C-alpha atoms as a PDB file:
ATOM      1  CA  MET A   1       0.000   0.000   0.000  1.00  0.00           C
ATOM      2  CA  ARG A   2       1.224   3.494  -0.835  1.00  0.00           C
ATOM      3  CA  VAL A   3       0.202   6.254   1.576  1.00  0.00           C
ATOM      4  CA  LEU A   4       0.699  10.000   1.080  1.00  0.00           C
ATOM      5  CA  VAL A   5       1.203  12.182   4.178  1.00  0.00           C
ATOM      6  CA  THR A   6       0.828  15.958   3.719  1.00  0.00           C
ATOM      7  CA  CYS A   7       0.372  17.083   7.332  1.00  0.00           C
ATOM      8  CA  PRO A   8       3.413  19.206   8.362  1.00  0.00           C
ATOM      9  CA  PRO A   9       3.449  18.319  12.106  1.00  0.00           C
ATOM     10  CA  MET A  10       3.335  14.604  11.278  1.00  0.00           C
ATOM     11  CA  LEU A  11       5.914  15.054   8.514  1.00  0.00           C
ATOM     12  CA  ARG A  12       8.349  16.716  10.916  1.00  0.00           C
ATOM     13  CA  GLN A  13       8.276  13.568  13.071  1.00  0.00           C
ATOM     14  CA  ILE A  14       7.840  11.096  10.225  1.00  0.00           C
ATOM     15  CA  GLU A  15      10.821   8.915  11.228  1.00  0.00           C
ATOM     16  CA  ARG A  16       9.158   8.237  14.572  1.00  0.00           C
ATOM     17  CA  PHE A  17       6.359   6.394  12.746  1.00  0.00           C
ATOM     18  CA  ARG A  18       8.506   4.270  10.414  1.00  0.00           C
ATOM     19  CA  PRO A  19       8.095   1.155  12.606  1.00  0.00           C
ATOM     20  CA  GLN A  20       4.310   1.434  12.270  1.00  0.00           C
ATOM     21  CA  PHE A  21       4.571   1.951   8.510  1.00  0.00           C
ATOM     22  CA  ASP A  22       6.887  -1.048   8.132  1.00  0.00           C
ATOM     23  CA  ALA A  23       4.662  -3.287  10.238  1.00  0.00           C
ATOM     24  CA  LEU A  24       1.672  -2.370   8.074  1.00  0.00           C
ATOM     25  CA  GLY A  25       3.590  -2.806   4.843  1.00  0.00           C
ATOM     26  CA  TRP A  26       3.098   0.806   3.797  1.00  0.00           C
ATOM     27  CA  GLU A  27       5.279   2.698   1.364  1.00  0.00           C
ATOM     28  CA  VAL A  28       4.927   6.287   2.593  1.00  0.00           C
ATOM     29  CA  THR A  29       5.469   9.435   0.542  1.00  0.00           C
ATOM     30  CA  ALA A  30       6.521  12.398   2.706  1.00  0.00           C
ATOM     31  CA  PRO A  31       6.813  15.539   0.544  1.00  0.00           C
ATOM     32  CA  ASP A  32       8.463  18.747   1.721  1.00  0.00           C
ATOM     33  CA  VAL A  33       5.476  20.804   2.905  1.00  0.00           C
ATOM     34  CA  VAL A  34       5.678  24.128   4.752  1.00  0.00           C
ATOM     35  CA  GLN A  35       1.915  24.617   5.193  1.00  0.00           C
ATOM     36  CA  VAL A  36      -0.011  23.147   2.249  1.00  0.00           C
ATOM     37  CA  LEU A  37       0.425  21.700  -1.225  1.00  0.00           C
ATOM     38  CA  THR A  38      -1.406  23.283  -4.159  1.00  0.00           C
ATOM     39  CA  VAL A  39      -4.351  21.703  -5.945  1.00  0.00           C
ATOM     40  CA  GLU A  40      -2.103  21.109  -8.950  1.00  0.00           C
ATOM     41  CA  GLU A  41       0.494  19.303  -6.836  1.00  0.00           C
ATOM     42  CA  LEU A  42      -2.193  17.207  -5.161  1.00  0.00           C
ATOM     43  CA  VAL A  43      -3.861  16.277  -8.446  1.00  0.00           C
ATOM     44  CA  ASP A  44      -0.505  14.869  -9.493  1.00  0.00           C
ATOM     45  CA  LEU A  45       0.398  13.115  -6.225  1.00  0.00           C
ATOM     46  CA  VAL A  46      -2.849  11.800  -4.741  1.00  0.00           C
ATOM     47  CA  PRO A  47      -3.783   9.386  -7.588  1.00  0.00           C
ATOM     48  CA  GLN A  48      -0.469   7.592  -7.095  1.00  0.00           C
ATOM     49  CA  HIS A  49      -1.455   6.508  -3.563  1.00  0.00           C
ATOM     50  CA  ASP A  50      -3.928   4.165  -1.912  1.00  0.00           C
ATOM     51  CA  GLY A  51      -4.322   6.369   1.166  1.00  0.00           C
ATOM     52  CA  TRP A  52      -3.931  10.058   1.955  1.00  0.00           C
ATOM     53  CA  ILE A  53      -3.386  11.552   5.420  1.00  0.00           C
ATOM     54  CA  ILE A  54      -4.431  15.174   4.869  1.00  0.00           C
ATOM     55  CA  GLY A  55      -3.127  18.295   6.578  1.00  0.00           C
ATOM     56  CA  ASP A  56      -4.559  21.743   5.800  1.00  0.00           C
ATOM     57  CA  ASP A  57      -4.287  21.162   2.063  1.00  0.00           C
ATOM     58  CA  PRO A  58      -7.088  22.105  -0.366  1.00  0.00           C
ATOM     59  CA  ALA A  59      -8.708  18.665  -0.449  1.00  0.00           C
ATOM     60  CA  THR A  60     -11.214  19.686  -3.095  1.00  0.00           C
ATOM     61  CA  ALA A  61     -13.624  17.744  -5.295  1.00  0.00           C
ATOM     62  CA  GLU A  62     -11.106  18.074  -8.133  1.00  0.00           C
ATOM     63  CA  VAL A  63      -8.388  16.444  -6.036  1.00  0.00           C
ATOM     64  CA  PHE A  64     -10.640  13.608  -4.876  1.00  0.00           C
ATOM     65  CA  GLN A  65     -11.870  13.004  -8.415  1.00  0.00           C
ATOM     66  CA  ALA A  66      -8.280  12.688  -9.595  1.00  0.00           C
ATOM     67  CA  GLY A  67      -7.511  10.375  -6.688  1.00  0.00           C
ATOM     68  CA  ALA A  68     -10.511   8.153  -7.325  1.00  0.00           C
ATOM     69  CA  ALA A  69      -9.536   7.891 -10.981  1.00  0.00           C
ATOM     70  CA  GLY A  70      -6.183   6.588  -9.792  1.00  0.00           C
ATOM     71  CA  ARG A  71      -5.326   4.386  -6.804  1.00  0.00           C
ATOM     72  CA  LEU A  72      -6.931   6.326  -3.939  1.00  0.00           C
ATOM     73  CA  LYS A  73      -9.056   4.150  -1.670  1.00  0.00           C
ATOM     74  CA  ALA A  74      -9.424   6.259   1.511  1.00  0.00           C
ATOM     75  CA  ALA A  75      -8.416   9.473   3.285  1.00  0.00           C
ATOM     76  CA  VAL A  76      -7.960  10.636   6.867  1.00  0.00           C
ATOM     77  CA  LYS A  77      -7.924  14.296   7.829  1.00  0.00           C
ATOM     78  CA  TRP A  78      -5.205  14.699  10.476  1.00  0.00           C
ATOM     79  CA  GLY A  79      -6.556  16.867  13.290  1.00  0.00           C
ATOM     80  CA  ILE A  80      -9.835  18.538  14.088  1.00  0.00           C
ATOM     81  CA  GLY A  81     -10.517  21.213  11.465  1.00  0.00           C
ATOM     82  CA  VAL A  82     -12.261  20.011   8.322  1.00  0.00           C
ATOM     83  CA  ASP A  83     -13.051  23.283   6.525  1.00  0.00           C
ATOM     84  CA  ASN A  84     -10.412  22.563   3.880  1.00  0.00           C
ATOM     85  CA  VAL A  85     -11.808  19.127   2.994  1.00  0.00           C
ATOM     86  CA  ASP A  86     -14.761  18.417   0.708  1.00  0.00           C
ATOM     87  CA  PHE A  87     -16.089  15.437   2.632  1.00  0.00           C
ATOM     88  CA  ALA A  88     -19.227  15.281   0.503  1.00  0.00           C
ATOM     89  CA  ALA A  89     -17.181  14.962  -2.691  1.00  0.00           C
ATOM     90  CA  ALA A  90     -15.075  12.172  -1.206  1.00  0.00           C
ATOM     91  CA  ARG A  91     -18.106  10.222  -0.033  1.00  0.00           C
ATOM     92  CA  ALA A  92     -19.906  10.711  -3.348  1.00  0.00           C
ATOM     93  CA  LEU A  93     -16.936   8.991  -4.965  1.00  0.00           C
ATOM     94  CA  GLY A  94     -17.159   6.106  -2.506  1.00  0.00           C
ATOM     95  CA  LEU A  95     -14.004   7.126  -0.640  1.00  0.00           C
ATOM     96  CA  PRO A  96     -14.094   6.474   3.127  1.00  0.00           C
ATOM     97  CA  ILE A  97     -12.937   9.581   4.998  1.00  0.00           C
ATOM     98  CA  ILE A  98     -12.784  10.755   8.616  1.00  0.00           C
ATOM     99  CA  ASN A  99     -10.905  13.225  10.817  1.00  0.00           C
ATOM    100  CA  THR A 100      -9.227  12.749  14.231  1.00  0.00           C
ATOM    101  CA  PRO A 101     -11.272  14.786  16.744  1.00  0.00           C
ATOM    102  CA  ASN A 102     -10.539  15.324  20.426  1.00  0.00           C
ATOM    103  CA  MET A 103      -6.795  14.830  20.004  1.00  0.00           C
ATOM    104  CA  PHE A 104      -5.350  18.114  21.258  1.00  0.00           C
ATOM    105  CA  GLY A 105      -7.983  20.329  22.847  1.00  0.00           C
ATOM    106  CA  GLY A 106      -5.757  20.775  25.877  1.00  0.00           C
ATOM    107  CA  GLU A 107      -2.708  21.763  23.852  1.00  0.00           C
ATOM    108  CA  VAL A 108      -4.517  24.407  21.793  1.00  0.00           C
ATOM    109  CA  ALA A 109      -6.243  25.719  24.921  1.00  0.00           C
ATOM    110  CA  ASP A 110      -2.827  26.025  26.594  1.00  0.00           C
ATOM    111  CA  LEU A 111      -1.642  28.190  23.715  1.00  0.00           C
ATOM    112  CA  ALA A 112      -4.798  30.305  23.869  1.00  0.00           C
ATOM    113  CA  LEU A 113      -4.265  30.837  27.596  1.00  0.00           C
ATOM    114  CA  SER A 114      -0.666  31.838  26.962  1.00  0.00           C
ATOM    115  CA  TYR A 115      -1.932  34.484  24.536  1.00  0.00           C
ATOM    116  CA  LEU A 116      -4.469  35.718  27.081  1.00  0.00           C
ATOM    117  CA  LEU A 117      -1.747  36.077  29.696  1.00  0.00           C
ATOM    118  CA  ALA A 118       0.680  37.751  27.301  1.00  0.00           C
ATOM    119  CA  LEU A 119      -1.920  40.230  26.082  1.00  0.00           C
ATOM    120  CA  ALA A 120      -2.976  40.981  29.654  1.00  0.00           C
ATOM    121  CA  ARG A 121       0.537  41.542  31.029  1.00  0.00           C
ATOM    122  CA  GLU A 122       2.166  42.765  27.789  1.00  0.00           C
ATOM    123  CA  THR A 123       5.059  40.362  28.178  1.00  0.00           C
ATOM    124  CA  PHE A 124       5.677  40.600  24.432  1.00  0.00           C
ATOM    125  CA  ALA A 125       6.429  44.323  24.758  1.00  0.00           C
ATOM    126  CA  ILE A 126       8.750  43.689  27.703  1.00  0.00           C
ATOM    127  CA  ASP A 127      10.633  41.009  25.765  1.00  0.00           C
ATOM    128  CA  ARG A 128      11.077  43.286  22.744  1.00  0.00           C
ATOM    129  CA  GLY A 129      12.203  46.172  24.908  1.00  0.00           C
ATOM    130  CA  ILE A 130      14.765  44.120  26.802  1.00  0.00           C
ATOM    131  CA  ARG A 131      16.240  42.877  23.536  1.00  0.00           C
ATOM    132  CA  GLU A 132      16.652  46.499  22.440  1.00  0.00           C
ATOM    133  CA  GLY A 133      18.471  47.510  25.650  1.00  0.00           C
ATOM    134  CA  GLN A 134      15.466  49.042  27.413  1.00  0.00           C
ATOM    135  CA  TRP A 135      13.903  48.169  30.771  1.00  0.00           C
ATOM    136  CA  PRO A 136      10.124  48.519  30.120  1.00  0.00           C
ATOM    137  CA  LYS A 137       7.501  48.118  32.850  1.00  0.00           C
ATOM    138  CA  PRO A 138       4.061  48.334  31.218  1.00  0.00           C
ATOM    139  CA  ALA A 139       1.116  48.210  33.596  1.00  0.00           C
ATOM    140  CA  GLY A 140      -0.926  45.265  32.422  1.00  0.00           C
ATOM    141  CA  ILE A 141      -4.303  44.033  33.586  1.00  0.00           C
ATOM    142  CA  SER A 142      -5.208  41.090  35.805  1.00  0.00           C
ATOM    143  CA  LEU A 143      -7.102  38.098  34.449  1.00  0.00           C
ATOM    144  CA  GLY A 144      -9.031  37.644  37.701  1.00  0.00           C
ATOM    145  CA  GLY A 145     -12.370  39.428  37.528  1.00  0.00           C
ATOM    146  CA  ARG A 146     -12.131  40.008  33.767  1.00  0.00           C
ATOM    147  CA  THR A 147     -14.600  38.551  31.276  1.00  0.00           C
ATOM    148  CA  LEU A 148     -13.581  36.112  28.570  1.00  0.00           C
ATOM    149  CA  GLY A 149     -15.866  35.970  25.566  1.00  0.00           C
ATOM    150  CA  LEU A 150     -15.376  32.434  24.272  1.00  0.00           C
ATOM    151  CA  ILE A 151     -16.482  31.578  20.744  1.00  0.00           C
ATOM    152  CA  GLY A 152     -16.859  27.806  20.542  1.00  0.00           C
ATOM    153  CA  LEU A 153     -17.511  25.151  23.182  1.00  0.00           C
ATOM    154  CA  GLY A 154     -15.965  22.158  21.463  1.00  0.00           C
ATOM    155  CA  ASP A 155     -12.986  20.282  22.847  1.00  0.00           C
ATOM    156  CA  ILE A 156     -10.678  23.310  22.671  1.00  0.00           C
ATOM    157  CA  GLY A 157     -13.288  25.750  23.963  1.00  0.00           C
ATOM    158  CA  ARG A 158     -14.207  23.610  26.945  1.00  0.00           C
ATOM    159  CA  ASN A 159     -10.547  23.181  27.841  1.00  0.00           C
ATOM    160  CA  LEU A 160      -9.970  26.929  27.603  1.00  0.00           C
ATOM    161  CA  ALA A 161     -13.062  27.627  29.699  1.00  0.00           C
ATOM    162  CA  LYS A 162     -11.687  25.390  32.464  1.00  0.00           C
ATOM    163  CA  ARG A 163      -8.376  27.241  32.393  1.00  0.00           C
ATOM    164  CA  ALA A 164     -10.024  30.666  32.367  1.00  0.00           C
ATOM    165  CA  LEU A 165     -12.286  29.787  35.285  1.00  0.00           C
ATOM    166  CA  ALA A 166      -9.228  28.567  37.206  1.00  0.00           C
ATOM    167  CA  CYS A 167      -7.777  32.056  36.651  1.00  0.00           C
ATOM    168  CA  ASP A 168     -10.913  33.518  38.289  1.00  0.00           C
ATOM    169  CA  MET A 169     -12.239  34.859  35.012  1.00  0.00           C
ATOM    170  CA  ARG A 170     -15.900  35.133  34.139  1.00  0.00           C
ATOM    171  CA  VAL A 171     -16.734  33.264  30.910  1.00  0.00           C
ATOM    172  CA  ILE A 172     -19.481  34.087  28.420  1.00  0.00           C
ATOM    173  CA  ALA A 173     -19.623  31.522  25.609  1.00  0.00           C
ATOM    174  CA  TRP A 174     -21.220  31.504  22.183  1.00  0.00           C
ATOM    175  CA  ASP A 175     -21.876  28.171  20.467  1.00  0.00           C
ATOM    176  CA  PRO A 176     -25.020  27.286  18.504  1.00  0.00           C
ATOM    177  CA  GLY A 177     -24.768  23.742  19.835  1.00  0.00           C
ATOM    178  CA  PHE A 178     -25.279  24.852  23.453  1.00  0.00           C
ATOM    179  CA  THR A 179     -28.205  26.619  25.085  1.00  0.00           C
ATOM    180  CA  THR A 180     -26.994  25.672  28.559  1.00  0.00           C
ATOM    181  CA  PRO A 181     -23.436  25.208  29.861  1.00  0.00           C
ATOM    182  CA  PRO A 182     -21.670  21.870  29.282  1.00  0.00           C
ATOM    183  CA  ASP A 183     -21.507  19.440  32.168  1.00  0.00           C
ATOM    184  CA  GLY A 184     -18.791  20.429  34.592  1.00  0.00           C
ATOM    185  CA  LEU A 185     -18.759  24.016  33.342  1.00  0.00           C
ATOM    186  CA  GLU A 186     -21.918  25.297  34.993  1.00  0.00           C
ATOM    187  CA  ALA A 187     -20.211  28.629  35.748  1.00  0.00           C
ATOM    188  CA  VAL A 188     -20.029  29.403  32.024  1.00  0.00           C
ATOM    189  CA  GLU A 189     -22.741  31.789  30.833  1.00  0.00           C
ATOM    190  CA  VAL A 190     -24.162  30.897  27.400  1.00  0.00           C
ATOM    191  CA  ALA A 191     -25.390  33.522  24.942  1.00  0.00           C
ATOM    192  CA  ALA A 192     -26.288  33.805  21.244  1.00  0.00           C
ATOM    193  CA  TRP A 193     -23.674  35.578  19.118  1.00  0.00           C
ATOM    194  CA  PRO A 194     -23.102  38.510  19.265  1.00  0.00           C
ATOM    195  CA  ALA A 195     -25.339  39.311  22.243  1.00  0.00           C
ATOM    196  CA  ARG A 196     -23.361  40.578  25.266  1.00  0.00           C
ATOM    197  CA  ILE A 197     -20.163  41.026  23.254  1.00  0.00           C
ATOM    198  CA  GLU A 198     -19.803  44.426  24.919  1.00  0.00           C
ATOM    199  CA  GLU A 199     -19.160  42.675  28.262  1.00  0.00           C
ATOM    200  CA  ALA A 200     -16.025  40.854  27.102  1.00  0.00           C
ATOM    201  CA  ASP A 201     -12.530  42.082  27.977  1.00  0.00           C
ATOM    202  CA  PHE A 202     -11.113  39.278  25.829  1.00  0.00           C
ATOM    203  CA  LEU A 203     -12.541  37.485  22.808  1.00  0.00           C
ATOM    204  CA  ALA A 204     -11.092  34.036  22.105  1.00  0.00           C
ATOM    205  CA  PHE A 205     -11.979  32.050  18.992  1.00  0.00           C
ATOM    206  CA  THR A 206     -11.867  28.258  19.393  1.00  0.00           C
ATOM    207  CA  CYS A 207     -14.678  27.185  17.035  1.00  0.00           C
ATOM    208  CA  ALA A 208     -14.731  25.401  13.687  1.00  0.00           C
ATOM    209  CA  LEU A 209     -14.997  27.444  10.499  1.00  0.00           C
ATOM    210  CA  THR A 210     -18.318  26.928   8.702  1.00  0.00           C
ATOM    211  CA  PRO A 211     -20.051  28.654   5.773  1.00  0.00           C
ATOM    212  CA  THR A 212     -22.232  30.568   8.255  1.00  0.00           C
ATOM    213  CA  ASN A 213     -19.581  31.974  10.612  1.00  0.00           C
ATOM    214  CA  ARG A 214     -16.977  33.298   8.161  1.00  0.00           C
ATOM    215  CA  HIS A 215     -16.043  36.866   9.218  1.00  0.00           C
ATOM    216  CA  MET A 216     -18.233  36.614  12.314  1.00  0.00           C
ATOM    217  CA  LEU A 217     -15.897  39.185  13.881  1.00  0.00           C
ATOM    218  CA  ASN A 218     -16.228  42.098  11.496  1.00  0.00           C
ATOM    219  CA  ALA A 219     -16.590  45.885  11.518  1.00  0.00           C
ATOM    220  CA  GLU A 220     -20.146  45.654  12.857  1.00  0.00           C
ATOM    221  CA  THR A 221     -19.461  43.213  15.689  1.00  0.00           C
ATOM    222  CA  LEU A 222     -16.229  44.997  16.575  1.00  0.00           C
ATOM    223  CA  ALA A 223     -18.124  48.275  16.860  1.00  0.00           C
ATOM    224  CA  ALA A 224     -20.380  46.628  19.450  1.00  0.00           C
ATOM    225  CA  ALA A 225     -17.425  45.251  21.444  1.00  0.00           C
ATOM    226  CA  LYS A 226     -15.885  46.936  24.473  1.00  0.00           C
ATOM    227  CA  ASP A 227     -13.300  49.626  23.739  1.00  0.00           C
ATOM    228  CA  GLY A 228      -9.843  48.144  24.253  1.00  0.00           C
ATOM    229  CA  VAL A 229     -10.939  44.524  23.872  1.00  0.00           C
ATOM    230  CA  ARG A 230      -8.146  41.989  23.387  1.00  0.00           C
ATOM    231  CA  VAL A 231      -8.620  39.345  20.663  1.00  0.00           C
ATOM    232  CA  VAL A 232      -7.209  35.802  20.486  1.00  0.00           C
ATOM    233  CA  ASN A 233      -7.676  33.392  17.574  1.00  0.00           C
ATOM    234  CA  VAL A 234      -6.390  29.814  17.741  1.00  0.00           C
ATOM    235  CA  ALA A 235      -9.106  28.405  15.462  1.00  0.00           C
ATOM    236  CA  ARG A 236      -9.276  29.499  11.808  1.00  0.00           C
ATOM    237  CA  GLY A 237      -8.226  32.813  10.273  1.00  0.00           C
ATOM    238  CA  PRO A 238     -11.374  33.520   8.208  1.00  0.00           C
ATOM    239  CA  LEU A 239     -13.496  33.672  11.357  1.00  0.00           C
ATOM    240  CA  ILE A 240     -12.162  37.236  11.571  1.00  0.00           C
ATOM    241  CA  ASP A 241     -12.446  39.901   8.892  1.00  0.00           C
ATOM    242  CA  GLU A 242      -8.740  40.744   8.905  1.00  0.00           C
ATOM    243  CA  PRO A 243      -8.972  44.265   7.403  1.00  0.00           C
ATOM    244  CA  ALA A 244     -11.637  45.118   9.996  1.00  0.00           C
ATOM    245  CA  LEU A 245      -9.408  43.803  12.792  1.00  0.00           C
ATOM    246  CA  ILE A 246      -6.426  45.796  11.474  1.00  0.00           C
ATOM    247  CA  ALA A 247      -8.533  48.972  11.389  1.00  0.00           C
ATOM    248  CA  ALA A 248      -9.727  48.284  14.950  1.00  0.00           C
ATOM    249  CA  LEU A 249      -6.147  47.765  16.135  1.00  0.00           C
ATOM    250  CA  GLN A 250      -5.042  50.994  14.459  1.00  0.00           C
ATOM    251  CA  SER A 251      -7.864  52.929  16.137  1.00  0.00           C
ATOM    252  CA  ASP A 252      -7.258  51.230  19.518  1.00  0.00           C
ATOM    253  CA  LYS A 253     -10.802  49.827  19.515  1.00  0.00           C
ATOM    254  CA  VAL A 254      -8.932  46.519  19.822  1.00  0.00           C
ATOM    255  CA  TYR A 255      -6.052  47.006  22.220  1.00  0.00           C
ATOM    256  CA  ALA A 256      -4.058  43.907  21.272  1.00  0.00           C
ATOM    257  CA  ALA A 257      -4.336  40.599  19.442  1.00  0.00           C
ATOM    258  CA  GLY A 258      -2.789  37.144  19.707  1.00  0.00           C
ATOM    259  CA  LEU A 259      -3.242  35.349  16.396  1.00  0.00           C
ATOM    260  CA  ASP A 260      -2.095  31.821  15.624  1.00  0.00           C
ATOM    261  CA  VAL A 261      -4.091  31.726  12.372  1.00  0.00           C
ATOM    262  CA  PHE A 262      -4.765  34.104   9.490  1.00  0.00           C
ATOM    263  CA  GLU A 263      -6.967  34.493   6.436  1.00  0.00           C
ATOM    264  CA  VAL A 264      -3.943  33.806   4.216  1.00  0.00           C
ATOM    265  CA  GLU A 265      -1.191  31.511   5.487  1.00  0.00           C
ATOM    266  CA  PRO A 266       1.700  32.052   5.735  1.00  0.00           C
ATOM    267  CA  LEU A 267       0.891  35.654   6.689  1.00  0.00           C
ATOM    268  CA  PRO A 268       1.799  37.924   3.753  1.00  0.00           C
ATOM    269  CA  MET A 269       4.884  40.065   4.291  1.00  0.00           C
ATOM    270  CA  LYS A 270       2.892  43.213   3.492  1.00  0.00           C
ATOM    271  CA  SER A 271       0.290  42.589   6.213  1.00  0.00           C
ATOM    272  CA  PRO A 272       0.082  45.491   8.710  1.00  0.00           C
ATOM    273  CA  LEU A 273      -0.267  42.893  11.461  1.00  0.00           C
ATOM    274  CA  ARG A 274       3.462  42.194  11.146  1.00  0.00           C
ATOM    275  CA  SER A 275       4.400  45.676  12.282  1.00  0.00           C
ATOM    276  CA  HIS A 276       1.694  46.343  14.844  1.00  0.00           C
ATOM    277  CA  PRO A 277       3.394  46.724  18.249  1.00  0.00           C
ATOM    278  CA  ARG A 278       0.611  45.025  20.218  1.00  0.00           C
ATOM    279  CA  CYS A 279       0.222  41.837  18.179  1.00  0.00           C
ATOM    280  CA  ILE A 280       1.568  38.387  18.963  1.00  0.00           C
ATOM    281  CA  LEU A 281       1.747  36.315  15.805  1.00  0.00           C
ATOM    282  CA  GLY A 282       1.812  32.528  15.541  1.00  0.00           C
ATOM    283  CA  SER A 283       2.303  30.081  12.696  1.00  0.00           C
ATOM    284  CA  HIS A 284      -0.859  27.931  12.925  1.00  0.00           C
ATOM    285  CA  ASN A 285       1.001  25.811  15.423  1.00  0.00           C
ATOM    286  CA  GLY A 286      -1.425  25.450  18.311  1.00  0.00           C
ATOM    287  CA  SER A 287      -1.620  21.660  18.328  1.00  0.00           C
ATOM    288  CA  ASN A 288       2.059  21.067  17.661  1.00  0.00           C
ATOM    289  CA  THR A 289       3.516  19.473  20.762  1.00  0.00           C
ATOM    290  CA  LEU A 290       5.510  16.254  20.586  1.00  0.00           C
ATOM    291  CA  ASP A 291       2.873  14.488  22.654  1.00  0.00           C
ATOM    292  CA  ALA A 292      -0.135  15.701  20.655  1.00  0.00           C
ATOM    293  CA  VAL A 293       1.440  15.017  17.267  1.00  0.00           C
ATOM    294  CA  VAL A 294       2.273  11.444  18.234  1.00  0.00           C
ATOM    295  CA  ARG A 295      -1.228  10.928  19.620  1.00  0.00           C
ATOM    296  CA  ALA A 296      -2.999  12.297  16.535  1.00  0.00           C
ATOM    297  CA  SER A 297      -0.643  10.622  14.071  1.00  0.00           C
ATOM    298  CA  LEU A 298      -1.028   7.184  15.619  1.00  0.00           C
ATOM    299  CA  ARG A 299      -4.792   7.671  15.529  1.00  0.00           C
ATOM    300  CA  ALA A 300      -4.627   8.681  11.848  1.00  0.00           C
ATOM    301  CA  ILE A 301      -2.472   5.645  11.052  1.00  0.00           C
ATOM    302  CA  ASP A 302      -4.905   3.350  12.865  1.00  0.00           C
ATOM    303  CA  LEU A 303      -7.912   4.811  11.036  1.00  0.00           C
ATOM    304  CA  MET A 304      -6.171   4.568   7.665  1.00  0.00           C
ATOM    305  CA  ASP A 305      -5.176   0.963   8.360  1.00  0.00           C
ATOM    306  CA  GLY A 306      -8.785   0.120   9.059  1.00  0.00           C
ATOM    307  CA  PHE A 307      -9.926   1.720   5.809  1.00  0.00           C
ATOM    308  CA  LEU A 308      -7.268   0.060   3.697  1.00  0.00           C
ATOM    309  CA  LYS A 309      -8.047  -3.326   5.183  1.00  0.00           C
ATOM    310  CA  GLY A 310     -11.693  -2.833   4.278  1.00  0.00           C
END
């Protein structure tokens, strides 16, 4: 069996999984991928393989059609997010496909909390100042008593809510799947987006990207938010209208932002976010710990093995 892996975190540890590949009799293709391959590259590669472990690549109907016309028998989306994968197209072609949910909610929530803390205490500004020979002492804000507006109560959102509550924060959450708080998180207050957005000192995005929530944070919802709100996004870039966020940062409507994801990735060099002094920028790396990558990769291998064995 030939299996294509295009998920960068798994690729960076690919040698760790060679024993599993050998035991299963897989011949694995591990291309050099920074973030994603193009549709053209995938149309060429995918048909040459029986299985495809997908990263954030454009897994479109065109790619699956090419794969089905070749050797492709099944696909597994590594990780949680599925907005880049046309599941309906794959299934219409008779290709089994699944993702690997609930693999790293804690890891991504840890990163989100680190952004909350950094934006609150302005540790990024202190670090930059020290490197330049200064000795800055910005007066930050405390997390205790502040309100976190949490967008999404899935695995990541619930983990972040637990961490925020442990920091004595108040949590208002928006998730169409919940009208009451999840079990164990009874202190979380549930609302319908964007009601009560003006109460939030922080907005943290942890939800999936869907056709209905693209640009849910935009000029209109930002105008309703509290002056000086701090924004964190560890979910998907298109949840936020980036030009609207940039304008809000420039006007100080948004005081600071911690962004692990962007509308275009990698972040274009010309983006004003790169030069804004109160932004912390990530590389879509929230789930990438050694432990989480091994956990998710072994799960993806197991699922693919089951598909390929029928």
